[in-house]
C-alpha cells in the first residue's frame, strides 16, 4: 500500500554511530514532513475560494449550528405554531453509509451527470418534531444541490405524560415519556420509500418543500459541506504541522 513502510531492526546494531545516524535521519524526515505540510497549507490557502453561497447566511428562516473541529452541521427553524425542524449533514468524507444503509456503489437516477465535474451526491436528514409531543418524522434524503430525493421516512412517537414521570417510575412531579420497554424492537421502521404509491411520494416531497426543504436549501447544503470539509482539512494540516515541527 502506498505510504506504508516496513521497518526492521538489527539486534546487533547498537553502537553510537548507528544511534547518531538514526537520530539525524529522524530529524531530517521530521523537517521534511513539516516542510511538505507547510507547502500544502500554503497551496490550499492560495487555491481555495469558498463560493458566495458558502460564505453567505443560510436561506431565510434557517439558523446554522456548527463548531470548529466537528464534522456535524445542523440547520434549524420553526414552522407554524408547533413544529421544530432540524436538518443534519456531515462534512466527513464518509457519507454516513452505515446510518443510511446505502451501498456506496449505488447510483441514484435523480442525480444528473454534470459535465466537467464529478457527480455530487450529498446525504442529509430532516427531522420534523411536534413541540412537546415526543412525536417526529425523520426523512433521510440525498441531493445533487438542485433536486432532492427522499430515501426513507421514519416515524417515532411517544406518549407524553404531562402529569408526572415515566410510567412505573414512581415520580409524582415533572414530565416523562411513556413507552414500551421493547420499543426499539417493536418500532416499525416504515416501508421502502420507492414502494410507496407515486402520489404518496410526491405528497411527501411537497410537504418538505412547504417547510423550506427545497432547491435553495439543497444548494446551500452542498456548498456548505464542501466549505466545511475544506476548513476542517486545512485546520487538520495546521495541527499536524505544528505537532511535527
Foldseek 3Di string as FASTA:
>chain_A
DPPDDDDDDDPPPDDPVVVVVVVVVLLVVLVVLLVVLVVVLVVLVVPDDADPLQVDAAPPQWDWDDDAPFQKIWIWGADDDFKIKIKIFGLDPPQPCVVVVDDPPDDDPVFDDDPPDHQDKHWMKMWIDGPPFQKIKIWIWIDSLADIATFFIAIDGWGKAQQFDEPPPPTRDDIDTYDDPCCVVPGDGHDGLVPDDPVVRVVVVVVVVVVPPHSSNSNSVRSNSVVSNSVNVSVVSVVVSVVSD
